[in-house]
PDB file of N, CA and C in Angstrom:
ATOM      1  N   MET A   1       0.820  -1.193  -0.041  1.00  0.00           N
ATOM      2  CA  MET A   1       0.010  -0.002   0.023  1.00  0.00           C
ATOM      3  C   MET A   1       0.842   1.243  -0.018  1.00  0.00           C
ATOM      4  N   CYS A   2       1.982   1.196   0.692  1.00  0.00           N
ATOM      5  CA  CYS A   2       2.920   2.377   0.711  1.00  0.00           C
ATOM      6  C   CYS A   2       3.402   2.666  -0.705  1.00  0.00           C
ATOM      7  N   LEU A   3       3.802   1.617  -1.444  1.00  0.00           N
ATOM      8  CA  LEU A   3       4.341   1.800  -2.740  1.00  0.00           C
ATOM      9  C   LEU A   3       3.164   2.351  -3.672  1.00  0.00           C
ATOM     10  N   ASP A   4       1.978   1.847  -3.497  1.00  0.00           N
ATOM     11  CA  ASP A   4       0.818   2.342  -4.252  1.00  0.00           C
ATOM     12  C   ASP A   4       0.574   3.829  -4.005  1.00  0.00           C
ATOM     13  N   GLU A   5       0.890   4.255  -2.818  1.00  0.00           N
ATOM     14  CA  GLU A   5       0.784   5.618  -2.422  1.00  0.00           C
ATOM     15  C   GLU A   5       1.979   6.525  -2.825  1.00  0.00           C
ATOM     16  N   GLY A   6       2.975   5.944  -3.353  1.00  0.00           N
ATOM     17  CA  GLY A   6       4.102   6.674  -3.905  1.00  0.00           C
ATOM     18  C   GLY A   6       5.356   6.727  -3.079  1.00  0.00           C
ATOM     19  N   TYR A   7       5.458   5.837  -2.072  1.00  0.00           N
ATOM     20  CA  TYR A   7       6.692   5.840  -1.254  1.00  0.00           C
ATOM     21  C   TYR A   7       7.041   4.423  -0.885  1.00  0.00           C
ATOM     22  N   ILE A   8       8.332   4.252  -0.620  1.00  0.00           N
ATOM     23  CA  ILE A   8       8.897   2.936  -0.207  1.00  0.00           C
ATOM     24  C   ILE A   8       9.100   2.925   1.238  1.00  0.00           C
ATOM     25  N   ASN A   9       8.560   1.911   1.942  1.00  0.00           N
ATOM     26  CA  ASN A   9       8.668   1.756   3.415  1.00  0.00           C
ATOM     27  C   ASN A   9       9.110   0.350   3.706  1.00  0.00           C
ATOM     28  N   GLY A  10      10.299   0.126   4.207  1.00  0.00           N
ATOM     29  CA  GLY A  10      10.764  -1.231   4.538  1.00  0.00           C
ATOM     30  C   GLY A  10      10.908  -1.427   6.005  1.00  0.00           C
ATOM     31  N   LYS A  11      10.296  -0.652   6.816  1.00  0.00           N
ATOM     32  CA  LYS A  11      10.447  -0.717   8.264  1.00  0.00           C
ATOM     33  C   LYS A  11       9.263  -1.421   8.874  1.00  0.00           C
ATOM     34  N   GLY A  12       9.650  -2.411   9.710  1.00  0.00           N
ATOM     35  CA  GLY A  12       8.584  -3.139  10.524  1.00  0.00           C
ATOM     36  C   GLY A  12       7.556  -3.882   9.745  1.00  0.00           C
ATOM     37  N   LEU A  13       7.862  -4.317   8.474  1.00  0.00           N
ATOM     38  CA  LEU A  13       6.902  -4.942   7.642  1.00  0.00           C
ATOM     39  C   LEU A  13       6.247  -6.154   8.300  1.00  0.00           C
ATOM     40  N   GLN A  14       4.937  -6.379   8.013  1.00  0.00           N
ATOM     41  CA  GLN A  14       4.205  -7.466   8.581  1.00  0.00           C
ATOM     42  C   GLN A  14       3.442  -8.219   7.427  1.00  0.00           C
ATOM     43  N   VAL A  15       3.207  -9.449   7.708  1.00  0.00           N
ATOM     44  CA  VAL A  15       2.386 -10.269   6.720  1.00  0.00           C
ATOM     45  C   VAL A  15       0.951 -10.118   7.062  1.00  0.00           C
ATOM     46  N   HIS A  16       0.078  -9.836   6.134  1.00  0.00           N
ATOM     47  CA  HIS A  16      -1.361  -9.736   6.398  1.00  0.00           C
ATOM     48  C   HIS A  16      -2.068 -10.815   5.551  1.00  0.00           C
ATOM     49  N   HIS A  17      -3.010 -11.514   6.175  1.00  0.00           N
ATOM     50  CA  HIS A  17      -3.931 -12.448   5.422  1.00  0.00           C
ATOM     51  C   HIS A  17      -5.064 -11.654   4.931  1.00  0.00           C
ATOM     52  N   ILE A  18      -5.230 -11.601   3.593  1.00  0.00           N
ATOM     53  CA  ILE A  18      -6.238 -10.794   2.988  1.00  0.00           C
ATOM     54  C   ILE A  18      -7.626 -11.365   3.416  1.00  0.00           C
ATOM     55  N   ILE A  19      -7.786 -12.664   3.349  1.00  0.00           N
ATOM     56  CA  ILE A  19      -9.037 -13.232   3.912  1.00  0.00           C
ATOM     57  C   ILE A  19      -8.531 -13.784   5.255  1.00  0.00           C
ATOM     58  N   PRO A  20      -9.121 -13.334   6.336  1.00  0.00           N
ATOM     59  CA  PRO A  20      -8.610 -13.689   7.688  1.00  0.00           C
ATOM     60  C   PRO A  20      -8.657 -15.197   7.862  1.00  0.00           C
ATOM     61  N   ILE A  21      -7.684 -15.728   8.624  1.00  0.00           N
ATOM     62  CA  ILE A  21      -7.607 -17.171   9.004  1.00  0.00           C
ATOM     63  C   ILE A  21      -8.894 -17.645   9.577  1.00  0.00           C
ATOM     64  N   ARG A  22      -9.500 -16.849  10.458  1.00  0.00           N
ATOM     65  CA  ARG A  22     -10.694 -17.291  11.122  1.00  0.00           C
ATOM     66  C   ARG A  22     -11.866 -17.507  10.106  1.00  0.00           C
ATOM     67  N   LYS A  23     -11.808 -16.853   8.928  1.00  0.00           N
ATOM     68  CA  LYS A  23     -12.804 -17.028   7.863  1.00  0.00           C
ATOM     69  C   LYS A  23     -12.580 -18.268   7.043  1.00  0.00           C
ATOM     70  N   ASN A  24     -11.267 -18.580   6.814  1.00  0.00           N
ATOM     71  CA  ASN A  24     -10.898 -19.715   5.982  1.00  0.00           C
ATOM     72  C   ASN A  24      -9.519 -20.187   6.360  1.00  0.00           C
ATOM     73  N   GLU A  25      -9.481 -21.190   7.194  1.00  0.00           N
ATOM     74  CA  GLU A  25      -8.142 -21.735   7.653  1.00  0.00           C
ATOM     75  C   GLU A  25      -7.356 -22.358   6.515  1.00  0.00           C
ATOM     76  N   ASP A  26      -7.994 -22.831   5.442  1.00  0.00           N
ATOM     77  CA  ASP A  26      -7.313 -23.337   4.291  1.00  0.00           C
ATOM     78  C   ASP A  26      -6.386 -22.428   3.578  1.00  0.00           C
ATOM     79  N   LEU A  27      -6.571 -21.058   3.788  1.00  0.00           N
ATOM     80  CA  LEU A  27      -5.815 -20.005   3.056  1.00  0.00           C
ATOM     81  C   LEU A  27      -4.616 -19.540   3.857  1.00  0.00           C
ATOM     82  N   ILE A  28      -4.336 -20.224   4.979  1.00  0.00           N
ATOM     83  CA  ILE A  28      -3.342 -19.719   5.933  1.00  0.00           C
ATOM     84  C   ILE A  28      -1.976 -19.561   5.290  1.00  0.00           C
ATOM     85  N   LEU A  29      -1.487 -20.433   4.452  1.00  0.00           N
ATOM     86  CA  LEU A  29      -0.253 -20.348   3.733  1.00  0.00           C
ATOM     87  C   LEU A  29      -0.316 -20.136   2.266  1.00  0.00           C
ATOM     88  N   GLU A  30      -1.469 -19.786   1.731  1.00  0.00           N
ATOM     89  CA  GLU A  30      -1.625 -19.530   0.278  1.00  0.00           C
ATOM     90  C   GLU A  30      -0.991 -18.180  -0.053  1.00  0.00           C
ATOM     91  N   ASP A  31       0.013 -18.215  -1.004  1.00  0.00           N
ATOM     92  CA  ASP A  31       0.621 -17.016  -1.374  1.00  0.00           C
ATOM     93  C   ASP A  31      -0.282 -15.950  -1.816  1.00  0.00           C
ATOM     94  N   ASP A  32      -1.323 -16.381  -2.598  1.00  0.00           N
ATOM     95  CA  ASP A  32      -2.278 -15.389  -3.157  1.00  0.00           C
ATOM     96  C   ASP A  32      -3.112 -14.711  -2.046  1.00  0.00           C
ATOM     97  N   ASN A  33      -3.061 -15.219  -0.848  1.00  0.00           N
ATOM     98  CA  ASN A  33      -3.869 -14.560   0.203  1.00  0.00           C
ATOM     99  C   ASN A  33      -2.974 -13.810   1.176  1.00  0.00           C
ATOM    100  N   LEU A  34      -1.667 -13.686   0.911  1.00  0.00           N
ATOM    101  CA  LEU A  34      -0.777 -12.897   1.712  1.00  0.00           C
ATOM    102  C   LEU A  34      -0.288 -11.632   1.109  1.00  0.00           C
ATOM    103  N   ILE A  35      -0.142 -10.605   1.878  1.00  0.00           N
ATOM    104  CA  ILE A  35       0.488  -9.408   1.304  1.00  0.00           C
ATOM    105  C   ILE A  35       1.305  -8.780   2.473  1.00  0.00           C
ATOM    106  N   THR A  36       2.390  -8.109   2.157  1.00  0.00           N
ATOM    107  CA  THR A  36       3.283  -7.495   3.190  1.00  0.00           C
ATOM    108  C   THR A  36       2.854  -5.982   3.305  1.00  0.00           C
ATOM    109  N   LEU A  37       2.572  -5.613   4.548  1.00  0.00           N
ATOM    110  CA  LEU A  37       2.138  -4.274   4.828  1.00  0.00           C
ATOM    111  C   LEU A  37       2.966  -3.710   5.918  1.00  0.00           C
ATOM    112  N   CYS A  38       3.072  -2.283   5.938  1.00  0.00           N
ATOM    113  CA  CYS A  38       3.696  -1.603   7.054  1.00  0.00           C
ATOM    114  C   CYS A  38       2.667  -1.727   8.236  1.00  0.00           C
ATOM    115  N   PRO A  39       3.107  -1.505   9.438  1.00  0.00           N
ATOM    116  CA  PRO A  39       2.191  -1.526  10.547  1.00  0.00           C
ATOM    117  C   PRO A  39       1.044  -0.614  10.469  1.00  0.00           C
ATOM    118  N   MET A  40       1.228   0.618  10.006  1.00  0.00           N
ATOM    119  CA  MET A  40       0.090   1.570   9.861  1.00  0.00           C
ATOM    120  C   MET A  40      -0.976   1.044   8.908  1.00  0.00           C
ATOM    121  N   HIS A  41      -0.554   0.545   7.729  1.00  0.00           N
ATOM    122  CA  HIS A  41      -1.586   0.077   6.779  1.00  0.00           C
ATOM    123  C   HIS A  41      -2.139  -1.301   7.244  1.00  0.00           C
ATOM    124  N   HIS A  42      -1.433  -2.148   7.964  1.00  0.00           N
ATOM    125  CA  HIS A  42      -1.912  -3.368   8.456  1.00  0.00           C
ATOM    126  C   HIS A  42      -3.083  -3.073   9.475  1.00  0.00           C
ATOM    127  N   GLN A  43      -2.855  -2.150  10.339  1.00  0.00           N
ATOM    128  CA  GLN A  43      -3.876  -1.742  11.302  1.00  0.00           C
ATOM    129  C   GLN A  43      -5.046  -1.160  10.538  1.00  0.00           C
ATOM    130  N   LEU A  44      -4.839  -0.333   9.457  1.00  0.00           N
ATOM    131  CA  LEU A  44      -5.910   0.262   8.742  1.00  0.00           C
ATOM    132  C   LEU A  44      -6.846  -0.780   8.096  1.00  0.00           C
ATOM    133  N   VAL A  45      -6.353  -1.839   7.523  1.00  0.00           N
ATOM    134  CA  VAL A  45      -7.143  -2.763   6.798  1.00  0.00           C
ATOM    135  C   VAL A  45      -7.612  -3.933   7.575  1.00  0.00           C
ATOM    136  N   GLU A  46      -7.072  -4.180   8.774  1.00  0.00           N
ATOM    137  CA  GLU A  46      -7.393  -5.400   9.610  1.00  0.00           C
ATOM    138  C   GLU A  46      -8.841  -5.470   9.906  1.00  0.00           C
ATOM    139  N   GLY A  47      -9.485  -6.529   9.375  1.00  0.00           N
ATOM    140  CA  GLY A  47     -10.896  -6.798   9.663  1.00  0.00           C
ATOM    141  C   GLY A  47     -11.907  -5.975   8.779  1.00  0.00           C
ATOM    142  N   LYS A  48     -11.373  -5.297   7.817  1.00  0.00           N
ATOM    143  CA  LYS A  48     -12.258  -4.482   6.967  1.00  0.00           C
ATOM    144  C   LYS A  48     -12.467  -5.043   5.634  1.00  0.00           C
ATOM    145  N   LYS A  49     -13.639  -5.565   5.324  1.00  0.00           N
ATOM    146  CA  LYS A  49     -13.947  -6.187   4.072  1.00  0.00           C
ATOM    147  C   LYS A  49     -13.757  -5.250   2.846  1.00  0.00           C
ATOM    148  N   LYS A  50     -13.935  -3.965   3.068  1.00  0.00           N
ATOM    149  CA  LYS A  50     -13.811  -3.000   1.951  1.00  0.00           C
ATOM    150  C   LYS A  50     -12.488  -2.955   1.268  1.00  0.00           C
ATOM    151  N   TYR A  51     -11.511  -3.496   1.902  1.00  0.00           N
ATOM    152  CA  TYR A  51     -10.107  -3.513   1.345  1.00  0.00           C
ATOM    153  C   TYR A  51      -9.714  -4.784   0.666  1.00  0.00           C
ATOM    154  N   ILE A  52     -10.568  -5.851   0.732  1.00  0.00           N
ATOM    155  CA  ILE A  52     -10.198  -7.141   0.209  1.00  0.00           C
ATOM    156  C   ILE A  52      -9.812  -7.078  -1.294  1.00  0.00           C
ATOM    157  N   SER A  53     -10.658  -6.567  -2.146  1.00  0.00           N
ATOM    158  CA  SER A  53     -10.327  -6.530  -3.594  1.00  0.00           C
ATOM    159  C   SER A  53      -9.167  -5.693  -3.849  1.00  0.00           C
ATOM    160  N   TYR A  54      -9.025  -4.546  -3.148  1.00  0.00           N
ATOM    161  CA  TYR A  54      -7.840  -3.651  -3.392  1.00  0.00           C
ATOM    162  C   TYR A  54      -6.540  -4.411  -3.016  1.00  0.00           C
ATOM    163  N   LEU A  55      -6.602  -5.181  -1.885  1.00  0.00           N
ATOM    164  CA  LEU A  55      -5.384  -5.877  -1.454  1.00  0.00           C
ATOM    165  C   LEU A  55      -4.993  -7.016  -2.408  1.00  0.00           C
ATOM    166  N   TYR A  56      -6.015  -7.713  -2.918  1.00  0.00           N
ATOM    167  CA  TYR A  56      -5.799  -8.733  -3.932  1.00  0.00           C
ATOM    168  C   TYR A  56      -5.194  -8.107  -5.123  1.00  0.00           C
ATOM    169  N   ARG A  57      -5.661  -7.001  -5.616  1.00  0.00           N
ATOM    170  CA  ARG A  57      -5.051  -6.332  -6.828  1.00  0.00           C
ATOM    171  C   ARG A  57      -3.550  -6.011  -6.472  1.00  0.00           C
ATOM    172  N   LEU A  58      -3.299  -5.400  -5.363  1.00  0.00           N
ATOM    173  CA  LEU A  58      -1.946  -4.998  -4.983  1.00  0.00           C
ATOM    174  C   LEU A  58      -0.991  -6.265  -4.961  1.00  0.00           C
ATOM    175  N   ALA A  59      -1.536  -7.254  -4.316  1.00  0.00           N
ATOM    176  CA  ALA A  59      -0.719  -8.561  -4.199  1.00  0.00           C
ATOM    177  C   ALA A  59      -0.383  -9.183  -5.472  1.00  0.00           C
ATOM    178  N   LYS A  60      -1.158  -9.026  -6.513  1.00  0.00           N
ATOM    179  CA  LYS A  60      -0.916  -9.632  -7.825  1.00  0.00           C
ATOM    180  C   LYS A  60      -0.300  -8.707  -8.852  1.00  0.00           C
ATOM    181  N   THR A  61      -0.064  -7.428  -8.518  1.00  0.00           N
ATOM    182  CA  THR A  61       0.548  -6.530  -9.479  1.00  0.00           C
ATOM    183  C   THR A  61       1.995  -6.314  -9.133  1.00  0.00           C
ATOM    184  N   PRO A  62       2.848  -6.635 -10.124  1.00  0.00           N
ATOM    185  CA  PRO A  62       4.330  -6.476  -9.808  1.00  0.00           C
ATOM    186  C   PRO A  62       4.647  -5.036  -9.490  1.00  0.00           C
ATOM    187  N   PRO A  63       5.566  -4.756  -8.660  1.00  0.00           N
ATOM    188  CA  PRO A  63       6.064  -3.396  -8.273  1.00  0.00           C
ATOM    189  C   PRO A  63       6.446  -2.649  -9.553  1.00  0.00           C
ATOM    190  N   GLY A  64       6.088  -1.343  -9.558  1.00  0.00           N
ATOM    191  CA  GLY A  64       6.518  -0.524 -10.669  1.00  0.00           C
ATOM    192  C   GLY A  64       5.617  -0.509 -11.907  1.00  0.00           C
ATOM    193  N   ILE A  65       4.505  -1.246 -11.754  1.00  0.00           N
ATOM    194  CA  ILE A  65       3.511  -1.298 -12.897  1.00  0.00           C
ATOM    195  C   ILE A  65       2.276  -0.530 -12.471  1.00  0.00           C
TER     196      ILE A  65
END
């Protein structure tokens, strides 16, 4: 999300499950369901359905495109 907003942040990165584990345990290690986020963005999107399609798009788009 940082890169999508125009800056690079490599500090304190965290892995976020786009579809929460409690909703679908089968996706716990699926690469397509994981995205790396800074702590601020991780807190912003945690538990909010409105970000799911946006995060999937970001996770599948190579950086710089």
